[in-house]
Amino acid sequence: MTEEASSSAPGGEFEREPVPDSALLGSGKFWGMYAGEHAAGTEFMIGPLFLAAGASLSDLILGLLLGNILAVLTWRLLVVPIAMAKRFTLYYQLERISGGSLVKFYNLVNGLLFCFLAGAMVTVSASAVGVPFGITFDVPENMFGLSNLSFTGLVAITGVIISAVAAGGYERVARFANIAAPWMIAVFAACGIVSLARMGVTNGAAFSEGKFWDDAIAFVQQKNGPGEFSFWQIVVFAWLCNGAMHFGMADLTIFRFAQSKASGWAPAIGMFLGHYMAWIAAALLLAALIKIQPDLAVGDDGKVTANPGLLAFDSLGWAGIICVVIAGWTTANPTIYRAGLAFQGVLPKSSRTAMTLVAGAVATIAGAFPNLSAQLLGFVGTYGTVLGPMGAVIFVDFYLMKRFGLSDEYALQSGSQFNVAVLIAWLLPVAVGLYLILWQGVFAAYAVIPCWIVCGLLYLFLSKLTQKEPSPHAAS
């Protein structure tokens, strides 16, 4: 997946070598990129899910504040120092540590998870396209149940279009996303302001009292059953929903171009415009719909459903529809593109276009199951649990290996294609984490940091047991 690194990174190229000084970028490039990336289609889905899950308004405001501060600090203090010291992509850095064969396996897992995330965005865009045509967005009881036939067909059409655009190349996608980002951020803000005005919340006292929010939660729980989303769940979710990017070190690929450590503060604009303002604004859309037209908030199954297209159309009309379509589109396109490059990393002789279309097909199939998008609060935590621990391998390799008398970048030093210490250290805690999430009902984001710590400790211990003296010509 080193090709993805060059395409998604601000400067391009240098997939298998350190970024030279001549290609380094100033902080402004990073602020713009993070603003566009984190005010996108997922925000329309995640925001209403907080309300639907039973989060109180005060917990949401304070919890998101703390969680997003922690996320920014993790990017700045964990990722940036290693990125600027090594200036390698995540995937080349992993290859030097774990070997090429193991990185192919990692790419396969990464690509599939990208497809599921893109699938949720296909669902989001289709929900908006369907509103003018009266095509409903139904979430079935079964996790892998289909919606109605019309919506499934709309998902297929939307997925084909998105996949075709993604197959055309990343530059076109990225250029459009950067143009659309400021407008989308403005629409998100408008969603919140208009929703409050429609509910009669016109001053700070009415907002802080939060009666409109409490009434909406009461309505949801009457229809969906009791639920609670605690302050600490909000904090941990906000902190770790991008766990694969910071704890998992995926953004080494981005920050290897940083000219100064000040660039490491750039995620703040994405966290506070996207994962703070946009999440709360999107949640207010659902609160307004429940207060003004409660029947529209209830699906055919009698439960409240967060339909992004309907929510935006109810508050902002066609501007809302267009924003949801574009937001989902600008998120799904680069995600499908990256998934295709991950698959190309597994099958190097295949073409990028063919693998992008394969990724688009997988994402479209995933998008046909609306429950996947309805489970985003859990999915992104699971995503971080699976991919985040690999960042601990990089952290330990960078800071601790030589201190313990061990070789860093062992695969490079030994000529190995498969570092078994990395494989076991990664999969063992992930397997336990997935068991706790899927079978014991543990909130997915809670597993990210324990898995990360255990993976790092296991990697250090297993390296002590398995490392041998490297061949004198292995790293040449």
Protein backbone atom coordinates (compact mmCIF):
# COMPACT_ATOMS: atom_id res chain seq x y z
CA MET A 1 0.00 0.00 0.00
CA THR A 2 2.96 2.28 -0.43
CA GLU A 3 1.38 3.73 -3.57
CA GLU A 4 -1.50 5.00 -1.48
CA ALA A 5 0.98 6.76 0.68
CA SER A 6 2.31 8.82 -2.18
CA SER A 7 -1.10 9.63 -3.56
CA SER A 8 -2.79 10.58 -0.33
CA ALA A 9 0.17 12.43 1.11
CA PRO A 10 0.49 16.15 0.45
CA GLY A 11 3.59 15.99 -1.75
CA GLY A 12 3.41 12.68 -3.60
CA GLU A 13 6.13 10.13 -4.49
CA PHE A 14 8.99 8.98 -2.19
CA GLU A 15 7.23 5.69 -1.43
CA ARG A 16 10.40 3.81 -0.52
CA GLU A 17 12.79 6.56 0.55
CA PRO A 18 12.81 9.40 3.06
CA VAL A 19 11.13 12.60 1.94
CA PRO A 20 13.92 15.05 0.98
CA ASP A 21 14.12 18.53 2.43
CA SER A 22 13.15 20.03 -0.94
CA ALA A 23 9.71 18.36 -0.74
CA LEU A 24 8.79 19.41 2.79
CA LEU A 25 5.62 21.44 3.26
CA GLY A 26 4.57 24.28 5.51
CA SER A 27 1.84 23.99 8.13
CA GLY A 28 -0.86 25.56 5.96
CA LYS A 29 -1.04 22.52 3.67
CA PHE A 30 -1.88 20.29 6.61
CA TRP A 31 -4.55 22.54 8.09
CA GLY A 32 -6.45 22.57 4.81
CA MET A 33 -6.21 18.82 4.35
CA TYR A 34 -7.48 17.96 7.84
CA ALA A 35 -10.34 20.46 7.53
CA GLY A 36 -11.58 18.71 4.40
CA GLU A 37 -11.03 15.16 5.60
CA HIS A 38 -12.89 15.39 8.91
CA ALA A 39 -15.96 17.44 7.94
CA ALA A 40 -17.43 14.82 5.66
CA GLY A 41 -20.17 12.26 5.15
CA THR A 42 -19.55 10.30 8.33
CA GLU A 43 -20.46 13.36 10.39
CA PHE A 44 -24.06 13.28 9.12
CA MET A 45 -24.35 9.70 10.36
CA ILE A 46 -22.39 9.82 13.62
CA GLY A 47 -23.90 13.02 15.06
CA PRO A 48 -27.51 11.77 15.21
CA LEU A 49 -26.33 8.42 16.59
CA PHE A 50 -25.20 10.15 19.80
CA LEU A 51 -28.72 11.39 20.44
CA ALA A 52 -30.24 8.07 19.41
CA ALA A 53 -27.90 6.28 21.82
CA GLY A 54 -29.08 8.43 24.74
CA ALA A 55 -26.15 10.83 25.27
CA SER A 56 -27.06 13.90 27.33
CA LEU A 57 -26.40 17.31 25.78
CA SER A 58 -23.96 18.41 28.50
CA ASP A 59 -22.05 15.12 28.29
CA LEU A 60 -21.87 15.47 24.52
CA ILE A 61 -20.53 19.04 24.59
CA LEU A 62 -17.94 18.42 27.33
CA GLY A 63 -17.09 14.86 26.32
CA LEU A 64 -16.39 15.79 22.71
CA LEU A 65 -14.30 18.73 23.88
CA LEU A 66 -12.05 16.56 26.04
CA GLY A 67 -11.91 13.65 23.60
CA ASN A 68 -10.94 15.83 20.65
CA ILE A 69 -8.23 17.58 22.66
CA LEU A 70 -6.77 14.15 23.48
CA ALA A 71 -6.93 13.15 19.82
CA VAL A 72 -5.03 16.27 18.71
CA LEU A 73 -2.39 15.70 21.40
CA THR A 74 -1.96 12.09 20.27
CA TRP A 75 -1.32 13.15 16.68
CA ARG A 76 1.10 15.85 17.76
CA LEU A 77 3.06 13.95 20.42
CA LEU A 78 2.90 10.36 19.14
CA VAL A 79 2.90 10.54 15.35
CA VAL A 80 4.77 13.70 14.38
CA PRO A 81 8.14 13.01 16.10
CA ILE A 82 8.48 9.61 14.42
CA ALA A 83 7.18 10.90 11.09
CA MET A 84 9.73 13.72 11.00
CA ALA A 85 12.60 11.52 12.20
CA LYS A 86 12.02 8.69 9.69
CA ARG A 87 10.06 10.43 6.88
CA PHE A 88 8.76 7.09 5.60
CA THR A 89 5.21 6.04 4.77
CA LEU A 90 3.47 3.83 7.31
CA TYR A 91 3.61 0.91 4.93
CA TYR A 92 7.31 1.14 4.09
CA GLN A 93 8.12 1.62 7.77
CA LEU A 94 6.12 -1.53 8.61
CA GLU A 95 7.84 -3.41 5.79
CA ARG A 96 11.26 -2.57 7.25
CA ILE A 97 10.12 -3.87 10.65
CA SER A 98 7.87 -6.80 9.80
CA GLY A 99 8.76 -7.86 6.26
CA GLY A 100 7.01 -7.59 2.91
CA SER A 101 4.84 -10.70 3.26
CA LEU A 102 3.33 -9.58 6.57
CA VAL A 103 2.65 -6.11 5.19
CA LYS A 104 0.62 -7.72 2.39
CA PHE A 105 -1.60 -9.37 4.99
CA TYR A 106 -1.94 -6.04 6.81
CA ASN A 107 -2.88 -4.40 3.49
CA LEU A 108 -5.64 -6.94 2.90
CA VAL A 109 -7.17 -6.31 6.33
CA ASN A 110 -6.77 -2.55 5.92
CA GLY A 111 -8.36 -2.60 2.47
CA LEU A 112 -11.41 -4.57 3.62
CA LEU A 113 -11.99 -2.22 6.55
CA PHE A 114 -11.68 0.75 4.18
CA CYS A 115 -14.37 -0.86 2.01
CA PHE A 116 -16.80 -1.18 4.91
CA LEU A 117 -16.25 2.47 5.85
CA ALA A 118 -16.77 3.53 2.23
CA GLY A 119 -19.90 1.36 2.12
CA ALA A 120 -21.43 3.38 4.96
CA MET A 121 -20.80 6.53 2.93
CA VAL A 122 -22.44 5.00 -0.15
CA THR A 123 -25.47 4.41 2.09
CA VAL A 124 -25.37 8.03 3.29
CA SER A 125 -25.24 9.44 -0.25
CA ALA A 126 -27.99 7.10 -1.43
CA SER A 127 -30.21 8.20 1.48
CA ALA A 128 -30.01 11.77 0.20
CA VAL A 129 -30.50 10.89 -3.47
CA GLY A 130 -33.62 8.92 -2.52
CA VAL A 131 -35.43 11.76 -0.73
CA PRO A 132 -36.68 13.62 -3.84
CA PHE A 133 -37.88 10.32 -5.31
CA GLY A 134 -39.66 9.20 -2.16
CA ILE A 135 -37.31 6.25 -1.74
CA THR A 136 -37.13 5.45 1.97
CA PHE A 137 -34.15 4.46 4.04
CA ASP A 138 -35.10 1.45 6.16
CA VAL A 139 -32.78 -0.17 8.70
CA PRO A 140 -33.74 -3.85 9.08
CA GLU A 141 -33.44 -5.78 12.33
CA ASN A 142 -30.88 -8.19 10.90
CA MET A 143 -27.30 -6.85 10.73
CA PHE A 144 -27.00 -8.20 7.19
CA GLY A 145 -30.58 -7.53 6.14
CA LEU A 146 -31.30 -5.49 3.03
CA SER A 147 -33.45 -2.38 2.91
CA ASN A 148 -36.36 -2.15 0.48
CA LEU A 149 -35.69 -3.05 -3.16
CA SER A 150 -35.79 0.56 -4.40
CA PHE A 151 -33.19 1.72 -1.89
CA THR A 152 -30.96 -1.28 -2.61
CA GLY A 153 -31.09 -0.41 -6.31
CA LEU A 154 -30.23 3.22 -5.51
CA VAL A 155 -27.23 2.08 -3.47
CA ALA A 156 -26.05 0.01 -6.44
CA ILE A 157 -26.31 2.97 -8.83
CA THR A 158 -24.61 5.33 -6.36
CA GLY A 159 -21.83 2.81 -5.71
CA VAL A 160 -21.14 2.31 -9.41
CA ILE A 161 -20.83 6.07 -10.00
CA ILE A 162 -18.59 6.61 -6.97
CA SER A 163 -16.39 3.64 -7.91
CA ALA A 164 -16.01 4.85 -11.50
CA VAL A 165 -14.90 8.29 -10.31
CA ALA A 166 -12.47 6.78 -7.79
CA ALA A 167 -10.98 4.60 -10.51
CA GLY A 168 -10.19 7.76 -12.48
CA GLY A 169 -7.48 8.75 -10.01
CA TYR A 170 -6.95 10.44 -6.68
CA GLU A 171 -5.97 13.90 -7.91
CA ARG A 172 -9.41 14.65 -9.35
CA VAL A 173 -11.12 13.37 -6.21
CA ALA A 174 -8.86 15.33 -3.87
CA ARG A 175 -9.23 18.54 -5.87
CA PHE A 176 -13.03 18.39 -5.75
CA ALA A 177 -13.02 17.54 -2.04
CA ASN A 178 -10.82 20.54 -1.24
CA ILE A 179 -13.13 22.85 -3.22
CA ALA A 180 -16.24 21.43 -1.54
CA ALA A 181 -14.89 21.38 2.04
CA PRO A 182 -15.43 25.08 2.97
CA TRP A 183 -19.00 25.01 1.63
CA MET A 184 -19.77 21.75 3.46
CA ILE A 185 -18.46 23.18 6.74
CA ALA A 186 -20.74 26.19 6.29
CA VAL A 187 -23.71 23.90 5.64
CA PHE A 188 -22.95 21.90 8.78
CA ALA A 189 -22.99 25.11 10.80
CA ALA A 190 -26.24 26.13 9.13
CA CYS A 191 -27.76 22.75 10.04
CA GLY A 192 -27.18 23.45 13.72
CA ILE A 193 -28.32 27.08 13.64
CA VAL A 194 -31.46 26.38 11.63
CA SER A 195 -32.36 23.36 13.78
CA LEU A 196 -32.11 25.40 16.98
CA ALA A 197 -34.20 28.21 15.50
CA ARG A 198 -36.89 25.76 14.37
CA MET A 199 -37.10 24.34 17.89
CA GLY A 200 -37.40 27.83 19.39
CA VAL A 201 -33.99 27.65 21.07
CA THR A 202 -33.01 31.25 20.47
CA ASN A 203 -30.84 32.08 23.47
CA GLY A 204 -28.14 30.56 25.64
CA ALA A 205 -30.47 29.88 28.54
CA ALA A 206 -32.82 27.75 26.44
CA PHE A 207 -29.85 25.86 24.99
CA SER A 208 -28.20 25.19 28.35
CA GLU A 209 -31.50 24.04 29.82
CA GLY A 210 -31.56 21.40 27.09
CA LYS A 211 -35.27 20.55 27.33
CA PHE A 212 -35.48 20.09 23.53
CA TRP A 213 -32.69 17.51 23.76
CA ASP A 214 -34.17 15.66 26.73
CA ASP A 215 -37.55 15.49 24.97
CA ALA A 216 -35.88 14.04 21.86
CA ILE A 217 -34.08 11.37 23.91
CA ALA A 218 -37.35 10.48 25.67
CA PHE A 219 -39.02 10.06 22.28
CA VAL A 220 -36.19 7.87 20.96
CA GLN A 221 -36.19 5.65 24.04
CA GLN A 222 -39.95 5.30 23.89
CA LYS A 223 -39.61 3.92 20.36
CA ASN A 224 -36.22 2.16 20.50
CA GLY A 225 -36.05 1.10 24.14
CA PRO A 226 -33.84 2.43 26.94
CA GLY A 227 -30.26 3.38 26.16
CA GLU A 228 -27.39 5.34 27.61
CA PHE A 229 -24.18 6.74 26.14
CA SER A 230 -22.04 7.94 29.02
CA PHE A 231 -19.63 10.86 29.31
CA TRP A 232 -16.58 8.58 29.21
CA GLN A 233 -17.89 6.69 26.20
CA ILE A 234 -18.14 10.03 24.40
CA VAL A 235 -14.62 11.03 25.47
CA VAL A 236 -13.06 7.73 24.42
CA PHE A 237 -15.01 7.61 21.16
CA ALA A 238 -13.96 11.14 20.16
CA TRP A 239 -10.36 10.37 21.10
CA LEU A 240 -10.12 6.99 19.38
CA CYS A 241 -12.53 7.04 16.43
CA ASN A 242 -9.42 7.90 14.40
CA GLY A 243 -7.27 5.52 16.41
CA ALA A 244 -5.95 3.87 13.26
CA MET A 245 -4.66 7.25 12.08
CA HIS A 246 -2.83 8.36 15.23
CA PHE A 247 -2.32 5.40 17.59
CA GLY A 248 -2.08 3.19 14.49
CA MET A 249 0.43 5.60 12.90
CA ALA A 250 -1.33 5.71 9.51
CA ASP A 251 -0.68 9.45 9.40
CA LEU A 252 3.06 8.90 9.36
CA THR A 253 2.34 8.94 5.64
CA ILE A 254 1.01 12.50 5.90
CA PHE A 255 3.33 14.05 8.46
CA ARG A 256 6.52 12.75 6.83
CA PHE A 257 6.18 15.89 4.69
CA ALA A 258 6.01 18.24 7.70
CA GLN A 259 8.57 21.00 7.70
CA SER A 260 8.04 21.76 11.38
CA LYS A 261 6.41 20.10 14.36
CA ALA A 262 3.84 22.91 14.38
CA SER A 263 2.12 21.05 11.52
CA GLY A 264 1.17 18.43 14.09
CA TRP A 265 -1.51 20.74 15.45
CA ALA A 266 -3.36 20.70 12.11
CA PRO A 267 -5.74 17.87 13.11
CA ALA A 268 -7.31 20.37 15.53
CA ILE A 269 -9.21 22.03 12.71
CA GLY A 270 -10.69 18.71 11.63
CA MET A 271 -11.54 17.67 15.16
CA PHE A 272 -13.24 20.90 16.16
CA LEU A 273 -14.95 21.79 12.88
CA GLY A 274 -15.83 18.19 12.03
CA HIS A 275 -15.84 16.02 15.12
CA TYR A 276 -17.18 18.75 17.37
CA MET A 277 -19.22 21.35 15.55
CA ALA A 278 -20.46 19.07 12.75
CA TRP A 279 -21.35 16.15 15.05
CA ILE A 280 -23.37 18.39 17.36
CA ALA A 281 -25.02 20.17 14.40
CA ALA A 282 -25.97 16.84 12.81
CA ALA A 283 -27.40 15.62 16.12
CA LEU A 284 -29.52 18.77 16.31
CA LEU A 285 -31.04 17.84 12.95
CA LEU A 286 -32.53 14.72 14.51
CA ALA A 287 -33.71 16.63 17.59
CA ALA A 288 -35.49 19.16 15.34
CA LEU A 289 -37.14 16.47 13.23
CA ILE A 290 -38.43 14.71 16.36
CA LYS A 291 -39.85 17.95 17.76
CA ILE A 292 -41.48 19.21 14.56
CA GLN A 293 -42.34 16.10 12.53
CA PRO A 294 -41.89 13.10 14.83
CA ASP A 295 -43.64 10.72 12.43
CA LEU A 296 -40.90 11.26 9.84
CA ALA A 297 -38.26 10.17 12.35
CA VAL A 298 -39.86 6.75 12.78
CA GLY A 299 -39.20 3.98 10.27
CA ASP A 300 -41.53 1.23 9.12
CA ASP A 301 -40.31 -0.92 12.02
CA GLY A 302 -41.60 1.64 14.54
CA LYS A 303 -38.10 2.72 15.59
CA VAL A 304 -36.31 6.04 15.23
CA THR A 305 -33.85 5.95 12.35
CA ALA A 306 -31.09 8.46 11.60
CA ASN A 307 -31.66 9.06 7.90
CA PRO A 308 -29.01 11.63 6.87
CA GLY A 309 -30.71 12.70 3.64
CA LEU A 310 -34.12 13.20 5.25
CA LEU A 311 -32.63 15.07 8.23
CA ALA A 312 -30.73 17.52 6.03
CA PHE A 313 -33.65 18.02 3.62
CA ASP A 314 -36.04 18.70 6.49
CA SER A 315 -33.89 21.58 7.76
CA LEU A 316 -32.17 23.00 4.67
CA GLY A 317 -34.10 21.69 1.69
CA TRP A 318 -32.12 21.07 -1.49
CA ALA A 319 -28.95 22.60 -0.04
CA GLY A 320 -29.04 19.91 2.63
CA ILE A 321 -29.59 17.15 0.05
CA ILE A 322 -26.69 18.36 -2.07
CA CYS A 323 -24.44 18.62 0.98
CA VAL A 324 -25.17 15.06 2.12
CA VAL A 325 -24.58 13.69 -1.37
CA ILE A 326 -21.30 15.56 -1.75
CA ALA A 327 -20.16 14.82 1.80
CA GLY A 328 -20.74 11.11 1.33
CA TRP A 329 -19.20 11.23 -2.13
CA THR A 330 -16.03 13.05 -1.05
CA THR A 331 -15.53 10.57 1.78
CA ALA A 332 -16.28 7.39 -0.15
CA ASN A 333 -14.19 8.25 -3.20
CA PRO A 334 -10.75 8.57 -1.57
CA THR A 335 -11.60 5.70 0.78
CA ILE A 336 -12.37 3.38 -2.14
CA TYR A 337 -9.25 4.63 -3.90
CA ARG A 338 -7.11 3.81 -0.86
CA ALA A 339 -8.75 0.39 -0.50
CA GLY A 340 -7.94 -0.34 -4.14
CA LEU A 341 -4.30 0.53 -3.57
CA ALA A 342 -4.26 -1.69 -0.49
CA PHE A 343 -5.53 -4.58 -2.63
CA GLN A 344 -2.95 -3.71 -5.28
CA GLY A 345 -0.31 -4.05 -2.58
CA VAL A 346 -1.50 -7.62 -2.06
CA LEU A 347 -1.51 -8.33 -5.83
CA PRO A 348 1.29 -6.08 -7.16
CA LYS A 349 0.87 -7.20 -10.77
CA SER A 350 -2.75 -6.06 -10.88
CA SER A 351 -3.65 -2.60 -12.17
CA ARG A 352 -4.68 0.19 -9.83
CA THR A 353 -7.87 0.76 -11.81
CA ALA A 354 -8.94 -2.87 -11.59
CA MET A 355 -8.29 -3.07 -7.86
CA THR A 356 -10.12 0.22 -7.28
CA LEU A 357 -13.15 -1.19 -9.07
CA VAL A 358 -12.93 -4.36 -6.95
CA ALA A 359 -12.83 -2.18 -3.83
CA GLY A 360 -15.80 -0.21 -5.14
CA ALA A 361 -17.77 -3.39 -5.69
CA VAL A 362 -17.06 -4.56 -2.12
CA ALA A 363 -17.99 -1.12 -0.75
CA THR A 364 -21.22 -1.05 -2.76
CA ILE A 365 -22.21 -4.49 -1.46
CA ALA A 366 -21.48 -3.30 2.08
CA GLY A 367 -23.54 -0.16 1.45
CA ALA A 368 -26.58 -2.28 0.63
CA PHE A 369 -26.78 -3.33 4.28
CA PRO A 370 -27.97 -0.18 6.11
CA ASN A 371 -27.22 -1.61 9.55
CA LEU A 372 -23.52 -1.24 8.85
CA SER A 373 -23.87 2.55 8.65
CA ALA A 374 -26.21 2.53 11.65
CA GLN A 375 -23.45 0.81 13.64
CA LEU A 376 -20.76 3.43 12.92
CA LEU A 377 -20.27 4.24 16.62
CA GLY A 378 -19.10 0.67 17.09
CA PHE A 379 -17.42 0.15 13.73
CA VAL A 380 -14.86 2.93 13.98
CA GLY A 381 -13.83 1.66 17.42
CA THR A 382 -13.45 -1.85 16.02
CA TYR A 383 -11.46 -0.40 13.12
CA GLY A 384 -9.07 1.23 15.58
CA THR A 385 -8.83 -1.95 17.65
CA VAL A 386 -7.74 -3.96 14.61
CA LEU A 387 -5.32 -1.49 13.00
CA GLY A 388 -4.22 0.64 15.95
CA PRO A 389 -1.89 -1.91 17.59
CA MET A 390 0.45 -1.90 14.59
CA GLY A 391 1.32 1.63 15.66
CA ALA A 392 2.63 0.23 18.93
CA VAL A 393 5.06 -1.92 16.94
CA ILE A 394 6.41 1.21 15.25
CA PHE A 395 6.54 3.11 18.56
CA VAL A 396 8.45 0.34 20.35
CA ASP A 397 10.76 -0.18 17.38
CA PHE A 398 11.61 3.52 17.28
CA TYR A 399 12.02 4.26 20.99
CA LEU A 400 12.83 1.02 22.82
CA MET A 401 14.51 -1.65 20.68
CA LYS A 402 18.06 -0.31 20.85
CA ARG A 403 17.66 0.50 24.55
CA PHE A 404 17.03 -3.20 25.15
CA GLY A 405 19.95 -4.30 23.00
CA LEU A 406 17.74 -5.35 20.08
CA SER A 407 17.80 -4.50 16.39
CA ASP A 408 15.29 -1.98 15.15
CA GLU A 409 13.81 -2.46 11.67
CA TYR A 410 14.60 -6.15 12.10
CA ALA A 411 13.15 -7.38 8.80
CA LEU A 412 15.42 -4.98 6.93
CA GLN A 413 18.45 -5.92 9.03
CA SER A 414 17.88 -9.68 8.79
CA GLY A 415 16.46 -9.92 5.28
CA SER A 416 13.29 -11.54 6.64
CA GLN A 417 9.99 -11.31 4.77
CA PHE A 418 7.94 -12.28 7.80
CA ASN A 419 8.70 -11.14 11.33
CA VAL A 420 6.76 -13.62 13.45
CA ALA A 421 7.16 -11.43 16.56
CA VAL A 422 5.11 -8.69 14.86
CA LEU A 423 2.42 -11.10 13.70
CA ILE A 424 1.83 -12.64 17.14
CA ALA A 425 2.10 -9.30 18.95
CA TRP A 426 -0.51 -7.83 16.60
CA LEU A 427 -3.03 -10.65 16.28
CA LEU A 428 -3.14 -11.91 19.87
CA PRO A 429 -4.42 -8.73 21.55
CA VAL A 430 -6.64 -7.97 18.55
CA ALA A 431 -8.27 -11.40 18.84
CA VAL A 432 -8.97 -10.80 22.54
CA GLY A 433 -10.26 -7.30 21.79
CA LEU A 434 -12.61 -8.53 19.08
CA TYR A 435 -13.91 -11.27 21.39
CA LEU A 436 -14.71 -8.69 24.07
CA ILE A 437 -16.37 -6.37 21.53
CA LEU A 438 -18.36 -8.88 19.49
CA TRP A 439 -19.25 -11.48 22.10
CA GLN A 440 -19.09 -9.69 25.45
CA GLY A 441 -20.58 -6.36 24.38
CA VAL A 442 -17.65 -4.16 25.43
CA PHE A 443 -17.82 -0.68 23.86
CA ALA A 444 -15.47 -0.99 20.88
CA ALA A 445 -13.40 2.16 21.46
CA TYR A 446 -12.50 0.97 24.98
CA ALA A 447 -10.38 -1.82 23.47
CA VAL A 448 -8.06 0.36 21.38
CA ILE A 449 -5.54 1.49 24.00
CA PRO A 450 -5.31 -1.81 25.95
CA CYS A 451 -4.69 -3.67 22.68
CA TRP A 452 -2.09 -1.05 21.71
CA ILE A 453 -0.19 -1.38 24.99
CA VAL A 454 -0.27 -5.18 25.03
CA CYS A 455 0.86 -5.32 21.40
CA GLY A 456 3.86 -3.11 22.13
CA LEU A 457 4.90 -5.12 25.18
CA LEU A 458 4.46 -8.43 23.35
CA TYR A 459 6.49 -7.19 20.41
CA LEU A 460 9.36 -6.22 22.70
CA PHE A 461 9.22 -9.55 24.59
CA LEU A 462 8.92 -11.72 21.49
CA SER A 463 11.70 -9.84 19.73
CA LYS A 464 13.96 -10.66 22.67
CA LEU A 465 13.14 -14.34 22.13
CA THR A 466 13.29 -14.48 18.34
CA GLN A 467 15.90 -11.99 17.11
CA LYS A 468 19.08 -13.48 15.73
CA GLU A 469 22.29 -11.86 14.64
CA PRO A 470 21.58 -10.27 11.25
CA SER A 471 23.46 -11.25 8.14
CA PRO A 472 26.16 -8.63 7.39
CA HIS A 473 24.63 -8.06 3.94
CA ALA A 474 20.94 -8.30 4.90
CA ALA A 475 20.20 -4.58 4.89
CA SER A 476 22.04 -3.80 1.70
